[in-house]
Amino acid sequence: PFQAGIAEGKLYTQEQTAERLVSVMKGLSPEQN
């Protein structure tokens, strides 16, 4: 319902988001706790 107001390039595909989240998760360090 909110996609019409999103700036170009700021709406990500599910695949893009999953890749980013998994990458960050696998690289988490104690400093980020």
Full PDB file with SEQRES, HELIX, SHEET, SSBOND, CRYST1, ORIGX, SCALE, CONECT and MASTER records, all heavy atoms in Angstrom:
SEQRES   1 A   33  PRO PHE GLN ALA GLY ILE ALA GLU GLY LYS LEU TYR THR          
SEQRES   2 A   33  GLN GLU GLN THR ALA GLU ARG LEU VAL SER VAL MET LYS          
SEQRES   3 A   33  GLY LEU SER PRO GLU GLN ASN                                  
HELIX    1 AA1 GLN A    3  GLY A    5  5                                   3    
HELIX    2 AA2 GLN A   14  LYS A   26  1                                  13    
HELIX    3 AA3 PRO A   30  GLN A   32  5                                   3    
CRYST1    1.000    1.000    1.000  90.00  90.00  90.00 P 1           1          
ORIGX1      1.000000  0.000000  0.000000        0.00000                         
ORIGX2      0.000000  1.000000  0.000000        0.00000                         
ORIGX3      0.000000  0.000000  1.000000        0.00000                         
SCALE1      1.000000  0.000000  0.000000        0.00000                         
SCALE2      0.000000  1.000000  0.000000        0.00000                         
SCALE3      0.000000  0.000000  1.000000        0.00000                         
ATOM      1  N   PRO A   1       0.799  -1.235   0.000  1.00  0.00           N  
ATOM      2  CA  PRO A   1       0.000   0.000   0.000  1.00  0.00           C  
ATOM      3  C   PRO A   1       0.828   1.280   0.000  1.00  0.00           C  
ATOM      4  O   PRO A   1       0.284   2.365  -0.215  1.00  0.00           O  
ATOM      5  CB  PRO A   1      -0.810  -0.114   1.302  1.00  0.00           C  
ATOM      6  CG  PRO A   1      -0.789  -1.560   1.656  1.00  0.00           C  
ATOM      7  CD  PRO A   1       0.546  -2.051   1.197  1.00  0.00           C  
ATOM      8  N   PHE A   2       2.128   1.175   0.241  1.00  0.00           N  
ATOM      9  CA  PHE A   2       2.965   2.371   0.406  1.00  0.00           C  
ATOM     10  C   PHE A   2       4.031   2.513  -0.674  1.00  0.00           C  
ATOM     11  O   PHE A   2       4.839   3.430  -0.634  1.00  0.00           O  
ATOM     12  CB  PHE A   2       3.636   2.330   1.791  1.00  0.00           C  
ATOM     13  CG  PHE A   2       2.707   1.929   2.887  1.00  0.00           C  
ATOM     14  CD1 PHE A   2       2.699   0.625   3.374  1.00  0.00           C  
ATOM     15  CD2 PHE A   2       1.804   2.836   3.419  1.00  0.00           C  
ATOM     16  CE1 PHE A   2       1.824   0.238   4.378  1.00  0.00           C  
ATOM     17  CE2 PHE A   2       0.921   2.457   4.421  1.00  0.00           C  
ATOM     18  CZ  PHE A   2       0.933   1.157   4.895  1.00  0.00           C  
ATOM     19  N   GLN A   3       4.017   1.631  -1.656  1.00  0.00           N  
ATOM     20  CA  GLN A   3       5.091   1.612  -2.635  1.00  0.00           C  
ATOM     21  C   GLN A   3       5.085   2.812  -3.569  1.00  0.00           C  
ATOM     22  O   GLN A   3       6.140   3.210  -4.077  1.00  0.00           O  
ATOM     23  CB  GLN A   3       5.033   0.310  -3.445  1.00  0.00           C  
ATOM     24  CG  GLN A   3       5.378  -0.928  -2.631  1.00  0.00           C  
ATOM     25  CD  GLN A   3       5.285  -2.214  -3.437  1.00  0.00           C  
ATOM     26  OE1 GLN A   3       5.096  -2.181  -4.651  1.00  0.00           O  
ATOM     27  NE2 GLN A   3       5.394  -3.351  -2.752  1.00  0.00           N  
ATOM     28  N   ALA A   4       3.918   3.418  -3.781  1.00  0.00           N  
ATOM     29  CA  ALA A   4       3.836   4.549  -4.713  1.00  0.00           C  
ATOM     30  C   ALA A   4       4.664   5.740  -4.243  1.00  0.00           C  
ATOM     31  O   ALA A   4       5.161   6.526  -5.055  1.00  0.00           O  
ATOM     32  CB  ALA A   4       2.382   4.970  -4.897  1.00  0.00           C  
ATOM     33  N   GLY A   5       4.838   5.876  -2.927  1.00  0.00           N  
ATOM     34  CA  GLY A   5       5.564   7.019  -2.399  1.00  0.00           C  
ATOM     35  C   GLY A   5       7.035   6.767  -2.154  1.00  0.00           C  
ATOM     36  O   GLY A   5       7.731   7.617  -1.594  1.00  0.00           O  
ATOM     37  N   ILE A   6       7.531   5.609  -2.571  1.00  0.00           N  
ATOM     38  CA  ILE A   6       8.926   5.253  -2.325  1.00  0.00           C  
ATOM     39  C   ILE A   6       9.816   5.776  -3.451  1.00  0.00           C  
ATOM     40  O   ILE A   6       9.492   5.623  -4.629  1.00  0.00           O  
ATOM     41  CB  ILE A   6       9.073   3.726  -2.186  1.00  0.00           C  
ATOM     42  CG1 ILE A   6       8.261   3.240  -0.982  1.00  0.00           C  
ATOM     43  CG2 ILE A   6      10.531   3.331  -2.033  1.00  0.00           C  
ATOM     44  CD1 ILE A   6       8.167   1.731  -0.875  1.00  0.00           C  
ATOM     45  N   ALA A   7      10.920   6.398  -3.072  1.00  0.00           N  
ATOM     46  CA  ALA A   7      11.833   6.966  -4.065  1.00  0.00           C  
ATOM     47  C   ALA A   7      12.410   5.866  -4.953  1.00  0.00           C  
ATOM     48  O   ALA A   7      12.578   4.721  -4.526  1.00  0.00           O  
ATOM     49  CB  ALA A   7      12.959   7.713  -3.364  1.00  0.00           C  
ATOM     50  N   GLU A   8      12.718   6.236  -6.189  1.00  0.00           N  
ATOM     51  CA  GLU A   8      13.273   5.276  -7.137  1.00  0.00           C  
ATOM     52  C   GLU A   8      14.582   4.681  -6.595  1.00  0.00           C  
ATOM     53  O   GLU A   8      15.445   5.394  -6.095  1.00  0.00           O  
ATOM     54  CB  GLU A   8      13.530   5.973  -8.476  1.00  0.00           C  
ATOM     55  CG  GLU A   8      13.982   5.024  -9.573  1.00  0.00           C  
ATOM     56  CD  GLU A   8      14.132   5.703 -10.922  1.00  0.00           C  
ATOM     57  OE1 GLU A   8      13.745   6.896 -11.029  1.00  0.00           O  
ATOM     58  OE2 GLU A   8      14.630   5.058 -11.853  1.00  0.00           O  
ATOM     59  N   GLY A   9      14.675   3.378  -6.696  1.00  0.00           N  
ATOM     60  CA  GLY A   9      15.875   2.694  -6.223  1.00  0.00           C  
ATOM     61  C   GLY A   9      15.846   2.326  -4.758  1.00  0.00           C  
ATOM     62  O   GLY A   9      16.780   1.702  -4.251  1.00  0.00           O  
ATOM     63  N   LYS A  10      14.769   2.702  -4.057  1.00  0.00           N  
ATOM     64  CA  LYS A  10      14.678   2.424  -2.624  1.00  0.00           C  
ATOM     65  C   LYS A  10      13.701   1.297  -2.298  1.00  0.00           C  
ATOM     66  O   LYS A  10      13.457   1.004  -1.135  1.00  0.00           O  
ATOM     67  CB  LYS A  10      14.251   3.691  -1.864  1.00  0.00           C  
ATOM     68  CG  LYS A  10      15.252   4.837  -1.966  1.00  0.00           C  
ATOM     69  CD  LYS A  10      16.589   4.470  -1.331  1.00  0.00           C  
ATOM     70  CE  LYS A  10      17.552   5.634  -1.356  1.00  0.00           C  
ATOM     71  NZ  LYS A  10      18.866   5.306  -0.744  1.00  0.00           N  
ATOM     72  N   LEU A  11      13.114   0.698  -3.322  1.00  0.00           N  
ATOM     73  CA  LEU A  11      12.246  -0.461  -3.132  1.00  0.00           C  
ATOM     74  C   LEU A  11      13.003  -1.686  -3.629  1.00  0.00           C  
ATOM     75  O   LEU A  11      13.361  -1.772  -4.799  1.00  0.00           O  
ATOM     76  CB  LEU A  11      10.934  -0.293  -3.912  1.00  0.00           C  
ATOM     77  CG  LEU A  11       9.937  -1.450  -3.815  1.00  0.00           C  
ATOM     78  CD1 LEU A  11       9.442  -1.629  -2.387  1.00  0.00           C  
ATOM     79  CD2 LEU A  11       8.748  -1.212  -4.755  1.00  0.00           C  
ATOM     80  N   TYR A  12      13.249  -2.627  -2.734  1.00  0.00           N  
ATOM     81  CA  TYR A  12      14.128  -3.745  -3.044  1.00  0.00           C  
ATOM     82  C   TYR A  12      13.337  -5.026  -3.274  1.00  0.00           C  
ATOM     83  O   TYR A  12      12.262  -5.225  -2.687  1.00  0.00           O  
ATOM     84  CB  TYR A  12      15.127  -3.945  -1.911  1.00  0.00           C  
ATOM     85  CG  TYR A  12      15.847  -2.682  -1.520  1.00  0.00           C  
ATOM     86  CD1 TYR A  12      15.724  -2.149  -0.242  1.00  0.00           C  
ATOM     87  CD2 TYR A  12      16.634  -1.998  -2.448  1.00  0.00           C  
ATOM     88  CE1 TYR A  12      16.371  -0.980   0.115  1.00  0.00           C  
ATOM     89  CE2 TYR A  12      17.289  -0.818  -2.102  1.00  0.00           C  
ATOM     90  CZ  TYR A  12      17.147  -0.315  -0.811  1.00  0.00           C  
ATOM     91  OH  TYR A  12      17.788   0.847  -0.475  1.00  0.00           O  
ATOM     92  N   THR A  13      13.868  -5.882  -4.118  1.00  0.00           N  
ATOM     93  CA  THR A  13      13.230  -7.176  -4.327  1.00  0.00           C  
ATOM     94  C   THR A  13      13.462  -8.041  -3.099  1.00  0.00           C  
ATOM     95  O   THR A  13      14.379  -7.812  -2.301  1.00  0.00           O  
ATOM     96  CB  THR A  13      13.809  -7.893  -5.562  1.00  0.00           C  
ATOM     97  OG1 THR A  13      15.183  -8.243  -5.303  1.00  0.00           O  
ATOM     98  CG2 THR A  13      13.722  -7.010  -6.802  1.00  0.00           C  
ATOM     99  N   GLN A  14      12.632  -9.069  -2.973  1.00  0.00           N  
ATOM    100  CA  GLN A  14      12.787  -9.985  -1.845  1.00  0.00           C  
ATOM    101  C   GLN A  14      14.140 -10.686  -1.908  1.00  0.00           C  
ATOM    102  O   GLN A  14      14.768 -10.941  -0.868  1.00  0.00           O  
ATOM    103  CB  GLN A  14      11.644 -11.001  -1.849  1.00  0.00           C  
ATOM    104  CG  GLN A  14      10.287 -10.370  -1.590  1.00  0.00           C  
ATOM    105  CD  GLN A  14       9.134 -11.344  -1.721  1.00  0.00           C  
ATOM    106  OE1 GLN A  14       9.340 -12.554  -1.825  1.00  0.00           O  
ATOM    107  NE2 GLN A  14       7.920 -10.833  -1.709  1.00  0.00           N  
ATOM    108  N   GLU A  15      14.607 -10.968  -3.108  1.00  0.00           N  
ATOM    109  CA  GLU A  15      15.893 -11.640  -3.271  1.00  0.00           C  
ATOM    110  C   GLU A  15      17.045 -10.734  -2.815  1.00  0.00           C  
ATOM    111  O   GLU A  15      17.981 -11.193  -2.146  1.00  0.00           O  
ATOM    112  CB  GLU A  15      16.093 -12.053  -4.731  1.00  0.00           C  
ATOM    113  CG  GLU A  15      15.171 -13.157  -5.217  1.00  0.00           C  
ATOM    114  CD  GLU A  15      13.734 -12.689  -5.436  1.00  0.00           C  
ATOM    115  OE1 GLU A  15      13.520 -11.456  -5.630  1.00  0.00           O  
ATOM    116  OE2 GLU A  15      12.822 -13.549  -5.410  1.00  0.00           O  
ATOM    117  N   GLN A  16      16.972  -9.430  -3.169  1.00  0.00           N  
ATOM    118  CA  GLN A  16      17.998  -8.477  -2.731  1.00  0.00           C  
ATOM    119  C   GLN A  16      18.046  -8.400  -1.209  1.00  0.00           C  
ATOM    120  O   GLN A  16      19.121  -8.450  -0.595  1.00  0.00           O  
ATOM    121  CB  GLN A  16      17.704  -7.079  -3.294  1.00  0.00           C  
ATOM    122  CG  GLN A  16      18.037  -6.876  -4.752  1.00  0.00           C  
ATOM    123  CD  GLN A  16      17.651  -5.483  -5.206  1.00  0.00           C  
ATOM    124  OE1 GLN A  16      16.501  -5.050  -5.040  1.00  0.00           O  
ATOM    125  NE2 GLN A  16      18.586  -4.759  -5.808  1.00  0.00           N  
ATOM    126  N   THR A  17      16.870  -8.269  -0.624  1.00  0.00           N  
ATOM    127  CA  THR A  17      16.799  -8.148   0.829  1.00  0.00           C  
ATOM    128  C   THR A  17      17.322  -9.398   1.515  1.00  0.00           C  
ATOM    129  O   THR A  17      18.083  -9.319   2.488  1.00  0.00           O  
ATOM    130  CB  THR A  17      15.349  -7.866   1.265  1.00  0.00           C  
ATOM    131  OG1 THR A  17      14.962  -6.575   0.766  1.00  0.00           O  
ATOM    132  CG2 THR A  17      15.205  -7.878   2.782  1.00  0.00           C  
ATOM    133  N   ALA A  18      16.932 -10.564   1.020  1.00  0.00           N  
ATOM    134  CA  ALA A  18      17.392 -11.820   1.621  1.00  0.00           C  
ATOM    135  C   ALA A  18      18.905 -11.943   1.544  1.00  0.00           C  
ATOM    136  O   ALA A  18      19.558 -12.341   2.524  1.00  0.00           O  
ATOM    137  CB  ALA A  18      16.726 -13.000   0.928  1.00  0.00           C  
ATOM    138  N   GLU A  19      19.477 -11.601   0.408  1.00  0.00           N  
ATOM    139  CA  GLU A  19      20.935 -11.688   0.253  1.00  0.00           C  
ATOM    140  C   GLU A  19      21.646 -10.780   1.250  1.00  0.00           C  
ATOM    141  O   GLU A  19      22.654 -11.156   1.859  1.00  0.00           O  
ATOM    142  CB  GLU A  19      21.333 -11.319  -1.181  1.00  0.00           C  
ATOM    143  CG  GLU A  19      20.969 -12.383  -2.213  1.00  0.00           C  
ATOM    144  CD  GLU A  19      21.371 -11.983  -3.625  1.00  0.00           C  
ATOM    145  OE1 GLU A  19      22.034 -10.921  -3.768  1.00  0.00           O  
ATOM    146  OE2 GLU A  19      21.038 -12.732  -4.566  1.00  0.00           O  
ATOM    147  N   ARG A  20      21.120  -9.581   1.428  1.00  0.00           N  
ATOM    148  CA  ARG A  20      21.739  -8.634   2.355  1.00  0.00           C  
ATOM    149  C   ARG A  20      21.617  -9.114   3.792  1.00  0.00           C  
ATOM    150  O   ARG A  20      22.598  -9.060   4.564  1.00  0.00           O  
ATOM    151  CB  ARG A  20      21.070  -7.259   2.195  1.00  0.00           C  
ATOM    152  CG  ARG A  20      21.375  -6.577   0.874  1.00  0.00           C  
ATOM    153  CD  ARG A  20      20.410  -5.436   0.634  1.00  0.00           C  
ATOM    154  NE  ARG A  20      20.790  -4.640  -0.529  1.00  0.00           N  
ATOM    155  CZ  ARG A  20      20.036  -3.686  -1.053  1.00  0.00           C  
ATOM    156  NH1 ARG A  20      18.860  -3.413  -0.507  1.00  0.00           N  
ATOM    157  NH2 ARG A  20      20.453  -3.008  -2.102  1.00  0.00           N  
ATOM    158  N   LEU A  21      20.420  -9.542   4.176  1.00  0.00           N  
ATOM    159  CA  LEU A  21      20.197  -9.968   5.554  1.00  0.00           C  
ATOM    160  C   LEU A  21      21.038 -11.197   5.906  1.00  0.00           C  
ATOM    161  O   LEU A  21      21.624 -11.272   6.990  1.00  0.00           O  
ATOM    162  CB  LEU A  21      18.715 -10.253   5.785  1.00  0.00           C  
ATOM    163  CG  LEU A  21      17.762  -9.057   5.670  1.00  0.00           C  
ATOM    164  CD1 LEU A  21      16.319  -9.516   5.845  1.00  0.00           C  
ATOM    165  CD2 LEU A  21      18.107  -7.986   6.700  1.00  0.00           C  
ATOM    166  N   VAL A  22      21.086 -12.155   5.002  1.00  0.00           N  
ATOM    167  CA  VAL A  22      21.872 -13.366   5.255  1.00  0.00           C  
ATOM    168  C   VAL A  22      23.352 -13.019   5.340  1.00  0.00           C  
ATOM    169  O   VAL A  22      24.082 -13.539   6.196  1.00  0.00           O  
ATOM    170  CB  VAL A  22      21.608 -14.425   4.166  1.00  0.00           C  
ATOM    171  CG1 VAL A  22      22.611 -15.580   4.273  1.00  0.00           C  
ATOM    172  CG2 VAL A  22      20.179 -14.961   4.291  1.00  0.00           C  
ATOM    173  N   SER A  23      23.808 -12.131   4.469  1.00  0.00           N  
ATOM    174  CA  SER A  23      25.213 -11.729   4.485  1.00  0.00           C  
ATOM    175  C   SER A  23      25.581 -11.073   5.811  1.00  0.00           C  
ATOM    176  O   SER A  23      26.626 -11.384   6.407  1.00  0.00           O  
ATOM    177  CB  SER A  23      25.505 -10.769   3.331  1.00  0.00           C  
ATOM    178  OG  SER A  23      26.827 -10.295   3.379  1.00  0.00           O  
ATOM    179  N   VAL A  24      24.727 -10.158   6.283  1.00  0.00           N  
ATOM    180  CA  VAL A  24      24.996  -9.486   7.562  1.00  0.00           C  
ATOM    181  C   VAL A  24      24.953 -10.490   8.707  1.00  0.00           C  
ATOM    182  O   VAL A  24      25.810 -10.476   9.593  1.00  0.00           O  
ATOM    183  CB  VAL A  24      23.995  -8.338   7.797  1.00  0.00           C  
ATOM    184  CG1 VAL A  24      24.112  -7.806   9.225  1.00  0.00           C  
ATOM    185  CG2 VAL A  24      24.235  -7.210   6.803  1.00  0.00           C  
ATOM    186  N   MET A  25      23.960 -11.377   8.698  1.00  0.00           N  
ATOM    187  CA  MET A  25      23.840 -12.374   9.762  1.00  0.00           C  
ATOM    188  C   MET A  25      25.097 -13.229   9.861  1.00  0.00           C  
ATOM    189  O   MET A  25      25.639 -13.455  10.948  1.00  0.00           O  
ATOM    190  CB  MET A  25      22.622 -13.251   9.515  1.00  0.00           C  
ATOM    191  CG  MET A  25      22.402 -14.346  10.557  1.00  0.00           C  
ATOM    192  SD  MET A  25      23.308 -15.887  10.202  1.00  0.00           S  
ATOM    193  CE  MET A  25      22.409 -16.488   8.772  1.00  0.00           C  
ATOM    194  N   LYS A  26      25.588 -13.681   8.728  1.00  0.00           N  
ATOM    195  CA  LYS A  26      26.754 -14.566   8.740  1.00  0.00           C  
ATOM    196  C   LYS A  26      28.015 -13.833   9.178  1.00  0.00           C  
ATOM    197  O   LYS A  26      28.958 -14.458   9.681  1.00  0.00           O  
ATOM    198  CB  LYS A  26      26.944 -15.197   7.361  1.00  0.00           C  
ATOM    199  CG  LYS A  26      25.855 -16.212   7.021  1.00  0.00           C  
ATOM    200  CD  LYS A  26      26.136 -16.957   5.727  1.00  0.00           C  
ATOM    201  CE  LYS A  26      25.093 -18.047   5.494  1.00  0.00           C  
ATOM    202  NZ  LYS A  26      25.353 -18.837   4.274  1.00  0.00           N  
ATOM    203  N   GLY A  27      28.021 -12.521   9.018  1.00  0.00           N  
ATOM    204  CA  GLY A  27      29.200 -11.757   9.385  1.00  0.00           C  
ATOM    205  C   GLY A  27      29.101 -11.037  10.720  1.00  0.00           C  
ATOM    206  O   GLY A  27      29.976 -10.230  11.056  1.00  0.00           O  
ATOM    207  N   LEU A  28      28.043 -11.302  11.497  1.00  0.00           N  
ATOM    208  CA  LEU A  28      27.870 -10.610  12.778  1.00  0.00           C  
ATOM    209  C   LEU A  28      29.057 -10.834  13.706  1.00  0.00           C  
ATOM    210  O   LEU A  28      29.585 -11.943  13.809  1.00  0.00           O  
ATOM    211  CB  LEU A  28      26.587 -11.093  13.461  1.00  0.00           C  
ATOM    212  CG  LEU A  28      25.261 -10.582  12.899  1.00  0.00           C  
ATOM    213  CD1 LEU A  28      24.090 -11.265  13.597  1.00  0.00           C  
ATOM    214  CD2 LEU A  28      25.149  -9.069  13.016  1.00  0.00           C  
ATOM    215  N   SER A  29      29.442  -9.761  14.395  1.00  0.00           N  
ATOM    216  CA  SER A  29      30.556  -9.827  15.334  1.00  0.00           C  
ATOM    217  C   SER A  29      30.078  -9.402  16.719  1.00  0.00           C  
ATOM    218  O   SER A  29      29.049  -8.723  16.853  1.00  0.00           O  
ATOM    219  CB  SER A  29      31.680  -8.903  14.872  1.00  0.00           C  
ATOM    220  OG  SER A  29      31.250  -7.550  14.895  1.00  0.00           O  
ATOM    221  N   PRO A  30      30.799  -9.770  17.779  1.00  0.00           N  
ATOM    222  CA  PRO A  30      30.400  -9.408  19.137  1.00  0.00           C  
ATOM    223  C   PRO A  30      30.211  -7.905  19.333  1.00  0.00           C  
ATOM    224  O   PRO A  30      29.409  -7.487  20.175  1.00  0.00           O  
ATOM    225  CB  PRO A  30      31.561  -9.944  19.989  1.00  0.00           C  
ATOM    226  CG  PRO A  30      32.102 -11.096  19.208  1.00  0.00           C  
ATOM    227  CD  PRO A  30      31.985 -10.667  17.772  1.00  0.00           C  
ATOM    228  N   GLU A  31      30.924  -7.080  18.581  1.00  0.00           N  
ATOM    229  CA  GLU A  31      30.798  -5.625  18.703  1.00  0.00           C  
ATOM    230  C   GLU A  31      29.404  -5.135  18.313  1.00  0.00           C  
ATOM    231  O   GLU A  31      28.991  -4.045  18.702  1.00  0.00           O  
ATOM    232  CB  GLU A  31      31.840  -4.919  17.829  1.00  0.00           C  
ATOM    233  CG  GLU A  31      33.277  -5.104  18.277  1.00  0.00           C  
ATOM    234  CD  GLU A  31      33.827  -6.489  17.976  1.00  0.00           C  
ATOM    235  OE1 GLU A  31      33.291  -7.161  17.060  1.00  0.00           O  
ATOM    236  OE2 GLU A  31      34.781  -6.917  18.654  1.00  0.00           O  
ATOM    237  N   GLN A  32      28.675  -5.937  17.550  1.00  0.00           N  
ATOM    238  CA  GLN A  32      27.330  -5.547  17.113  1.00  0.00           C  
ATOM    239  C   GLN A  32      26.239  -6.038  18.058  1.00  0.00           C  
ATOM    240  O   GLN A  32      25.067  -5.724  17.851  1.00  0.00           O  
ATOM    241  CB  GLN A  32      27.079  -6.099  15.700  1.00  0.00           C  
ATOM    242  CG  GLN A  32      27.970  -5.479  14.629  1.00  0.00           C  
ATOM    243  CD  GLN A  32      27.898  -6.230  13.311  1.00  0.00           C  
ATOM    244  OE1 GLN A  32      28.218  -7.419  13.257  1.00  0.00           O  
ATOM    245  NE2 GLN A  32      27.480  -5.552  12.254  1.00  0.00           N  
ATOM    246  N   ASN A  33      26.598  -6.770  19.068  1.00  0.00           N  
ATOM    247  CA  ASN A  33      25.608  -7.339  19.990  1.00  0.00           C  
ATOM    248  C   ASN A  33      24.733  -6.247  20.609  1.00  0.00           C  
ATOM    249  O   ASN A  33      25.235  -5.243  21.110  1.00  0.00           O  
ATOM    250  CB  ASN A  33      26.323  -8.105  21.106  1.00  0.00           C  
ATOM    251  CG  ASN A  33      25.361  -8.917  21.955  1.00  0.00           C  
ATOM    252  OD1 ASN A  33      24.399  -9.493  21.449  1.00  0.00           O  
ATOM    253  ND2 ASN A  33      25.624  -8.977  23.253  1.00  0.00           N  
TER     254      ASN A  33                                                      
MASTER        0    0    0    3    0    0    0    6  253    1    0    3          
END                                                                             
